[in-house]
């Protein structure tokens, strides 16, 4: 389960941001997870409380925003939403798709005090 180490990475981001922006407590974390990122939102939520325990984010709420996969067809230029990296262009049938979104995971917003 790589989500445990990813959640630890989120904590590291929070600690760095707190140091740079002079806050001591995180109340809510909005985490954006792309559908093509290979990150399981349920697993991130499961790991969140245990990783954040006894830190500046102890008791913080996690709000997960799932973003759709997006691609552009290299053959016809069609832009589309996709649910798999192995997808067919609905316009021309090509499999030459370039991922243009939905493969990221990022801290989108924080509520702090």
Foldseek 3Di string as FASTA:
>chain_A
DCLLVVLLVVLVVVVVVCVVPVFQAFAEWEKEAFLQQPDDPVVNQVNNQVSCPPGRHHNHYYHYHYDFWWKAAPPPRDIDTDNYLQDADPPPRDRRIDTDDRNDMDGDDTDTD
